[in-house]
Amino acid sequence: MENRKLAVLTFDDGPTIGITDEILDILEENNAVASFFLIGQQITNETSYLVKRAHDMGCSIENHSRTHRVMPELTEQEIVMEISYTTELIEDITGEKPEFFRPPYIAYDQKMYDFIDLAFICGYGCEDWVPSVTTQQRVERILHDIKPGNIILLHDMEGNTQTIEAIRIIIPELKKQGYEFVNIRELFKQSGIKPERNVIYMAADEVRKNYE
């Protein structure tokens, strides 16, 4: 990474009207990009403009399954359908296929590795799906844990306004510290790392090889 301090903001569970668009506004105001891991059933005629806007801004659009089910419990055919449905919708809107996949609930097994031809991503979060975790706690956890190459796991799900307020603080603060925000594809490219199969990435240079 040539000593560059790169980080990726990633957002799961969208696109969500009223949440994703505010996140995109904040990214634009700060000249930053992110990666969005979308749920296929959330991509509709009403939300497709958010997908296109994010892509046009330089964000990457990635796969988070169709229905956000616990995927190790699914059949091989169901797993393939969960992925292909979302991939096709994203490609229809952006002209590009996803390259990365974040398993719902970070639940994954060898069967999923075998049947999903995308790089698996986890990352470091701040439990921002839990309403009782305050905006300030979200900010403090991310700022405390951040390291160059980190993948930050957040959510643009319905009602998650505290994460909107948190990134208003996090992005300018990390930029002051010299961080650059890139999308997940650019992180791996700039890191000189080709994503491997049968692992899940916590950061560009950190993997978990086991699964639960």
C-alpha atoms as a PDB file:
ATOM      1  CA  MET A   1       0.000   0.000   0.000  1.00  0.00           C
ATOM      2  CA  GLU A   2       3.091   2.190  -0.235  1.00  0.00           C
ATOM      3  CA  ASN A   3       2.536   3.317   3.367  1.00  0.00           C
ATOM      4  CA  ARG A   4      -0.853   4.756   2.466  1.00  0.00           C
ATOM      5  CA  LYS A   5      -3.431   4.525   5.228  1.00  0.00           C
ATOM      6  CA  LEU A   6      -6.356   2.964   3.410  1.00  0.00           C
ATOM      7  CA  ALA A   7      -9.669   1.966   4.957  1.00  0.00           C
ATOM      8  CA  VAL A   8     -13.004   0.778   3.622  1.00  0.00           C
ATOM      9  CA  LEU A   9     -16.410   1.710   4.956  1.00  0.00           C
ATOM     10  CA  THR A  10     -18.861  -1.072   4.151  1.00  0.00           C
ATOM     11  CA  PHE A  11     -22.609  -0.956   4.613  1.00  0.00           C
ATOM     12  CA  ASP A  12     -24.889  -4.006   4.830  1.00  0.00           C
ATOM     13  CA  ASP A  13     -28.615  -4.604   4.412  1.00  0.00           C
ATOM     14  CA  GLY A  14     -29.569  -1.790   2.035  1.00  0.00           C
ATOM     15  CA  PRO A  15     -30.478  -0.079  -0.122  1.00  0.00           C
ATOM     16  CA  THR A  16     -32.798   1.825   2.209  1.00  0.00           C
ATOM     17  CA  ILE A  17     -34.570   5.033   1.273  1.00  0.00           C
ATOM     18  CA  GLY A  18     -33.886   7.737   3.860  1.00  0.00           C
ATOM     19  CA  ILE A  19     -30.739   6.030   5.161  1.00  0.00           C
ATOM     20  CA  THR A  20     -28.579   5.066   2.179  1.00  0.00           C
ATOM     21  CA  ASP A  21     -29.115   8.447   0.521  1.00  0.00           C
ATOM     22  CA  GLU A  22     -27.962  10.308   3.636  1.00  0.00           C
ATOM     23  CA  ILE A  23     -24.863   8.120   3.805  1.00  0.00           C
ATOM     24  CA  LEU A  24     -24.145   8.900   0.155  1.00  0.00           C
ATOM     25  CA  ASP A  25     -24.552  12.624   0.890  1.00  0.00           C
ATOM     26  CA  ILE A  26     -21.979  12.394   3.699  1.00  0.00           C
ATOM     27  CA  LEU A  27     -19.559  10.428   1.513  1.00  0.00           C
ATOM     28  CA  GLU A  28     -19.910  13.013  -1.241  1.00  0.00           C
ATOM     29  CA  GLU A  29     -19.383  15.923   1.158  1.00  0.00           C
ATOM     30  CA  ASN A  30     -16.151  14.296   2.365  1.00  0.00           C
ATOM     31  CA  ASN A  31     -14.896  13.183  -1.056  1.00  0.00           C
ATOM     32  CA  ALA A  32     -15.005   9.575   0.127  1.00  0.00           C
ATOM     33  CA  VAL A  33     -16.334   6.290  -1.242  1.00  0.00           C
ATOM     34  CA  ALA A  34     -17.499   3.030   0.333  1.00  0.00           C
ATOM     35  CA  SER A  35     -18.768  -0.434  -0.554  1.00  0.00           C
ATOM     36  CA  PHE A  36     -22.389  -1.485  -0.204  1.00  0.00           C
ATOM     37  CA  PHE A  37     -23.356  -5.114   0.435  1.00  0.00           C
ATOM     38  CA  LEU A  38     -26.935  -5.308  -0.768  1.00  0.00           C
ATOM     39  CA  ILE A  39     -29.821  -7.620   0.048  1.00  0.00           C
ATOM     40  CA  GLY A  40     -31.532  -8.584  -3.187  1.00  0.00           C
ATOM     41  CA  GLN A  41     -35.075  -8.214  -1.887  1.00  0.00           C
ATOM     42  CA  GLN A  42     -34.232  -4.627  -0.915  1.00  0.00           C
ATOM     43  CA  ILE A  43     -33.413  -3.749  -4.538  1.00  0.00           C
ATOM     44  CA  THR A  44     -36.668  -2.532  -6.067  1.00  0.00           C
ATOM     45  CA  ASN A  45     -37.836  -0.020  -8.641  1.00  0.00           C
ATOM     46  CA  GLU A  46     -38.073   2.479  -5.783  1.00  0.00           C
ATOM     47  CA  THR A  47     -34.539   1.880  -4.434  1.00  0.00           C
ATOM     48  CA  SER A  48     -32.594   1.205  -7.640  1.00  0.00           C
ATOM     49  CA  TYR A  49     -31.650   4.898  -7.940  1.00  0.00           C
ATOM     50  CA  LEU A  50     -29.612   4.550  -4.736  1.00  0.00           C
ATOM     51  CA  VAL A  51     -27.648   1.644  -6.208  1.00  0.00           C
ATOM     52  CA  LYS A  52     -26.939   3.605  -9.377  1.00  0.00           C
ATOM     53  CA  ARG A  53     -25.977   6.739  -7.461  1.00  0.00           C
ATOM     54  CA  ALA A  54     -23.553   4.834  -5.223  1.00  0.00           C
ATOM     55  CA  HIS A  55     -21.963   3.117  -8.210  1.00  0.00           C
ATOM     56  CA  ASP A  56     -21.675   6.375 -10.159  1.00  0.00           C
ATOM     57  CA  MET A  57     -19.905   7.953  -7.158  1.00  0.00           C
ATOM     58  CA  GLY A  58     -17.208   5.275  -7.245  1.00  0.00           C
ATOM     59  CA  CYS A  59     -18.593   2.999  -4.559  1.00  0.00           C
ATOM     60  CA  SER A  60     -18.550  -0.733  -5.249  1.00  0.00           C
ATOM     61  CA  ILE A  61     -21.777  -2.686  -5.086  1.00  0.00           C
ATOM     62  CA  GLU A  62     -21.430  -6.148  -3.564  1.00  0.00           C
ATOM     63  CA  ASN A  63     -23.580  -9.135  -2.597  1.00  0.00           C
ATOM     64  CA  HIS A  64     -25.196  -9.834   0.797  1.00  0.00           C
ATOM     65  CA  SER A  65     -27.645 -12.547  -0.396  1.00  0.00           C
ATOM     66  CA  ARG A  66     -31.262 -12.245  -1.485  1.00  0.00           C
ATOM     67  CA  THR A  67     -33.157 -12.711   1.793  1.00  0.00           C
ATOM     68  CA  HIS A  68     -30.546 -12.525   4.601  1.00  0.00           C
ATOM     69  CA  ARG A  69     -31.213 -16.061   5.790  1.00  0.00           C
ATOM     70  CA  VAL A  70     -28.760 -18.193   7.786  1.00  0.00           C
ATOM     71  CA  MET A  71     -27.130 -19.693   4.730  1.00  0.00           C
ATOM     72  CA  PRO A  72     -25.408 -22.792   6.175  1.00  0.00           C
ATOM     73  CA  GLU A  73     -28.947 -24.083   6.782  1.00  0.00           C
ATOM     74  CA  LEU A  74     -29.821 -23.831   3.070  1.00  0.00           C
ATOM     75  CA  THR A  75     -29.481 -26.401   0.307  1.00  0.00           C
ATOM     76  CA  GLU A  76     -26.879 -25.997  -2.391  1.00  0.00           C
ATOM     77  CA  GLN A  77     -29.554 -24.889  -4.845  1.00  0.00           C
ATOM     78  CA  GLU A  78     -30.952 -22.338  -2.394  1.00  0.00           C
ATOM     79  CA  ILE A  79     -27.466 -20.905  -1.818  1.00  0.00           C
ATOM     80  CA  VAL A  80     -26.905 -20.498  -5.546  1.00  0.00           C
ATOM     81  CA  MET A  81     -30.306 -18.809  -5.927  1.00  0.00           C
ATOM     82  CA  GLU A  82     -29.621 -16.411  -3.027  1.00  0.00           C
ATOM     83  CA  ILE A  83     -26.443 -15.212  -4.735  1.00  0.00           C
ATOM     84  CA  SER A  84     -27.452 -15.259  -8.392  1.00  0.00           C
ATOM     85  CA  TYR A  85     -30.651 -13.279  -7.775  1.00  0.00           C
ATOM     86  CA  THR A  86     -28.792 -10.405  -6.131  1.00  0.00           C
ATOM     87  CA  THR A  87     -25.867 -10.499  -8.547  1.00  0.00           C
ATOM     88  CA  GLU A  88     -28.202 -10.244 -11.553  1.00  0.00           C
ATOM     89  CA  LEU A  89     -30.070  -7.258 -10.112  1.00  0.00           C
ATOM     90  CA  ILE A  90     -26.819  -5.443  -9.332  1.00  0.00           C
ATOM     91  CA  GLU A  91     -25.440  -6.132 -12.803  1.00  0.00           C
ATOM     92  CA  ASP A  92     -28.669  -4.906 -14.413  1.00  0.00           C
ATOM     93  CA  ILE A  93     -28.356  -1.560 -12.606  1.00  0.00           C
ATOM     94  CA  THR A  94     -24.592  -0.988 -12.617  1.00  0.00           C
ATOM     95  CA  GLY A  95     -23.324  -3.029 -15.554  1.00  0.00           C
ATOM     96  CA  GLU A  96     -20.875  -4.750 -13.198  1.00  0.00           C
ATOM     97  CA  LYS A  97     -21.079  -7.996 -11.281  1.00  0.00           C
ATOM     98  CA  PRO A  98     -20.246  -8.074  -7.557  1.00  0.00           C
ATOM     99  CA  GLU A  99     -16.797  -9.385  -6.672  1.00  0.00           C
ATOM    100  CA  PHE A 100     -17.287  -9.759  -2.905  1.00  0.00           C
ATOM    101  CA  PHE A 101     -19.837 -11.383  -0.595  1.00  0.00           C
ATOM    102  CA  ARG A 102     -20.553 -10.853   3.080  1.00  0.00           C
ATOM    103  CA  PRO A 103     -22.428 -13.788   4.629  1.00  0.00           C
ATOM    104  CA  PRO A 104     -25.557 -12.816   6.569  1.00  0.00           C
ATOM    105  CA  TYR A 105     -24.831 -12.982  10.303  1.00  0.00           C
ATOM    106  CA  ILE A 106     -21.232 -13.895   9.281  1.00  0.00           C
ATOM    107  CA  ALA A 107     -22.513 -17.492   9.210  1.00  0.00           C
ATOM    108  CA  TYR A 108     -20.656 -19.562   6.626  1.00  0.00           C
ATOM    109  CA  ASP A 109     -19.379 -23.063   5.935  1.00  0.00           C
ATOM    110  CA  GLN A 110     -17.466 -25.049   3.334  1.00  0.00           C
ATOM    111  CA  LYS A 111     -20.609 -25.646   1.279  1.00  0.00           C
ATOM    112  CA  MET A 112     -20.927 -21.890   0.791  1.00  0.00           C
ATOM    113  CA  TYR A 113     -17.269 -21.578  -0.182  1.00  0.00           C
ATOM    114  CA  ASP A 114     -17.842 -24.324  -2.753  1.00  0.00           C
ATOM    115  CA  PHE A 115     -20.916 -22.778  -4.359  1.00  0.00           C
ATOM    116  CA  ILE A 116     -20.323 -19.006  -4.093  1.00  0.00           C
ATOM    117  CA  ASP A 117     -17.751 -17.732  -6.549  1.00  0.00           C
ATOM    118  CA  LEU A 118     -17.098 -14.451  -4.720  1.00  0.00           C
ATOM    119  CA  ALA A 119     -14.496 -13.402  -2.152  1.00  0.00           C
ATOM    120  CA  PHE A 120     -15.874 -13.613   1.405  1.00  0.00           C
ATOM    121  CA  ILE A 121     -15.652 -10.487   3.580  1.00  0.00           C
ATOM    122  CA  CYS A 122     -16.228  -9.912   7.277  1.00  0.00           C
ATOM    123  CA  GLY A 123     -14.518  -6.845   8.783  1.00  0.00           C
ATOM    124  CA  TYR A 124     -14.535  -4.959  12.062  1.00  0.00           C
ATOM    125  CA  GLY A 125     -17.801  -3.536  13.333  1.00  0.00           C
ATOM    126  CA  CYS A 126     -19.160  -1.650  16.302  1.00  0.00           C
ATOM    127  CA  GLU A 127     -22.459  -3.510  16.803  1.00  0.00           C
ATOM    128  CA  ASP A 128     -24.252  -0.725  14.985  1.00  0.00           C
ATOM    129  CA  TRP A 129     -27.254  -3.000  14.387  1.00  0.00           C
ATOM    130  CA  VAL A 130     -27.980  -2.783  18.125  1.00  0.00           C
ATOM    131  CA  PRO A 131     -30.049   0.341  18.875  1.00  0.00           C
ATOM    132  CA  SER A 132     -28.710   0.607  22.444  1.00  0.00           C
ATOM    133  CA  VAL A 133     -25.172   1.144  21.118  1.00  0.00           C
ATOM    134  CA  THR A 134     -25.075   4.929  21.031  1.00  0.00           C
ATOM    135  CA  THR A 135     -23.669   7.145  18.307  1.00  0.00           C
ATOM    136  CA  GLN A 136     -20.742   8.049  20.558  1.00  0.00           C
ATOM    137  CA  GLN A 137     -19.993   4.390  21.314  1.00  0.00           C
ATOM    138  CA  ARG A 138     -19.971   3.597  17.617  1.00  0.00           C
ATOM    139  CA  VAL A 139     -17.543   6.436  16.978  1.00  0.00           C
ATOM    140  CA  GLU A 140     -15.251   5.493  19.854  1.00  0.00           C
ATOM    141  CA  ARG A 141     -15.101   1.806  18.941  1.00  0.00           C
ATOM    142  CA  ILE A 142     -14.177   2.457  15.324  1.00  0.00           C
ATOM    143  CA  LEU A 143     -11.634   5.160  16.096  1.00  0.00           C
ATOM    144  CA  HIS A 144     -10.071   2.976  18.791  1.00  0.00           C
ATOM    145  CA  ASP A 145      -9.795  -0.152  16.625  1.00  0.00           C
ATOM    146  CA  ILE A 146      -8.906   1.306  13.224  1.00  0.00           C
ATOM    147  CA  LYS A 147      -5.708   0.186  11.490  1.00  0.00           C
ATOM    148  CA  PRO A 148      -4.551   0.696   7.895  1.00  0.00           C
ATOM    149  CA  GLY A 149      -6.164  -1.850   5.600  1.00  0.00           C
ATOM    150  CA  ASN A 150      -9.208  -2.298   7.825  1.00  0.00           C
ATOM    151  CA  ILE A 151     -12.667  -3.133   6.563  1.00  0.00           C
ATOM    152  CA  ILE A 152     -15.253  -1.330   8.705  1.00  0.00           C
ATOM    153  CA  LEU A 153     -18.588  -3.145   8.976  1.00  0.00           C
ATOM    154  CA  LEU A 154     -21.658  -0.908   9.269  1.00  0.00           C
ATOM    155  CA  HIS A 155     -25.327  -1.074   8.275  1.00  0.00           C
ATOM    156  CA  ASP A 156     -27.578   1.158   6.164  1.00  0.00           C
ATOM    157  CA  MET A 157     -30.678  -0.666   7.349  1.00  0.00           C
ATOM    158  CA  GLU A 158     -34.054   0.870   8.124  1.00  0.00           C
ATOM    159  CA  GLY A 159     -33.984   3.342  11.014  1.00  0.00           C
ATOM    160  CA  ASN A 160     -30.230   3.219  11.586  1.00  0.00           C
ATOM    161  CA  THR A 161     -29.825   6.975  12.009  1.00  0.00           C
ATOM    162  CA  GLN A 162     -27.171   6.627  14.704  1.00  0.00           C
ATOM    163  CA  THR A 163     -24.752   5.227  12.149  1.00  0.00           C
ATOM    164  CA  ILE A 164     -25.444   8.227   9.919  1.00  0.00           C
ATOM    165  CA  GLU A 165     -24.496  10.515  12.804  1.00  0.00           C
ATOM    166  CA  ALA A 166     -21.465   8.369  13.633  1.00  0.00           C
ATOM    167  CA  ILE A 167     -19.955   8.565  10.147  1.00  0.00           C
ATOM    168  CA  ARG A 168     -20.405  12.353  10.164  1.00  0.00           C
ATOM    169  CA  ILE A 169     -17.757  12.270  12.906  1.00  0.00           C
ATOM    170  CA  ILE A 170     -15.696   9.237  11.861  1.00  0.00           C
ATOM    171  CA  ILE A 171     -14.933  10.185   8.260  1.00  0.00           C
ATOM    172  CA  PRO A 172     -13.519  13.697   8.896  1.00  0.00           C
ATOM    173  CA  GLU A 173     -11.607  12.474  11.956  1.00  0.00           C
ATOM    174  CA  LEU A 174      -9.923   9.609  10.131  1.00  0.00           C
ATOM    175  CA  LYS A 175      -9.121  11.861   7.196  1.00  0.00           C
ATOM    176  CA  LYS A 176      -7.366  14.183   9.650  1.00  0.00           C
ATOM    177  CA  GLN A 177      -5.338  11.145  10.731  1.00  0.00           C
ATOM    178  CA  GLY A 178      -4.279  10.586   7.132  1.00  0.00           C
ATOM    179  CA  TYR A 179      -6.693   7.840   6.157  1.00  0.00           C
ATOM    180  CA  GLU A 180      -8.040   7.524   2.629  1.00  0.00           C
ATOM    181  CA  PHE A 181     -11.408   5.874   2.068  1.00  0.00           C
ATOM    182  CA  VAL A 182     -11.525   3.528  -0.914  1.00  0.00           C
ATOM    183  CA  ASN A 183     -13.942   0.830  -1.983  1.00  0.00           C
ATOM    184  CA  ILE A 184     -13.211  -2.808  -1.224  1.00  0.00           C
ATOM    185  CA  ARG A 185     -11.978  -3.622  -4.713  1.00  0.00           C
ATOM    186  CA  GLU A 186      -9.535  -0.737  -4.640  1.00  0.00           C
ATOM    187  CA  LEU A 187      -8.307  -1.787  -1.182  1.00  0.00           C
ATOM    188  CA  PHE A 188      -7.226  -5.186  -2.453  1.00  0.00           C
ATOM    189  CA  LYS A 189      -5.821  -3.754  -5.667  1.00  0.00           C
ATOM    190  CA  GLN A 190      -3.757  -1.127  -3.840  1.00  0.00           C
ATOM    191  CA  SER A 191      -2.665  -3.724  -1.282  1.00  0.00           C
ATOM    192  CA  GLY A 192      -1.406  -6.014  -4.036  1.00  0.00           C
ATOM    193  CA  ILE A 193      -3.506  -8.868  -2.663  1.00  0.00           C
ATOM    194  CA  LYS A 194      -5.576 -11.186  -4.827  1.00  0.00           C
ATOM    195  CA  PRO A 195      -8.489 -12.481  -2.736  1.00  0.00           C
ATOM    196  CA  GLU A 196      -8.235 -16.212  -2.041  1.00  0.00           C
ATOM    197  CA  ARG A 197     -10.933 -18.861  -1.921  1.00  0.00           C
ATOM    198  CA  ASN A 198     -11.909 -20.708   1.286  1.00  0.00           C
ATOM    199  CA  VAL A 199     -11.072 -17.804   3.589  1.00  0.00           C
ATOM    200  CA  ILE A 200     -12.967 -14.802   4.924  1.00  0.00           C
ATOM    201  CA  TYR A 201     -11.226 -11.444   5.137  1.00  0.00           C
ATOM    202  CA  MET A 202     -11.226  -9.306   8.271  1.00  0.00           C
ATOM    203  CA  ALA A 203      -8.872  -6.790   6.622  1.00  0.00           C
ATOM    204  CA  ALA A 204      -6.935  -6.730   3.381  1.00  0.00           C
ATOM    205  CA  ASP A 205      -4.073  -8.664   4.970  1.00  0.00           C
ATOM    206  CA  GLU A 206      -5.978 -10.620   7.630  1.00  0.00           C
ATOM    207  CA  VAL A 207      -8.079 -13.732   7.142  1.00  0.00           C
ATOM    208  CA  ARG A 208      -9.993 -16.229   9.214  1.00  0.00           C
ATOM    209  CA  LYS A 209      -9.546 -19.665   7.711  1.00  0.00           C
ATOM    210  CA  ASN A 210     -11.927 -21.518   9.994  1.00  0.00           C
ATOM    211  CA  TYR A 211     -15.693 -21.314   9.941  1.00  0.00           C
ATOM    212  CA  GLU A 212     -18.378 -21.854  12.490  1.00  0.00           C
END
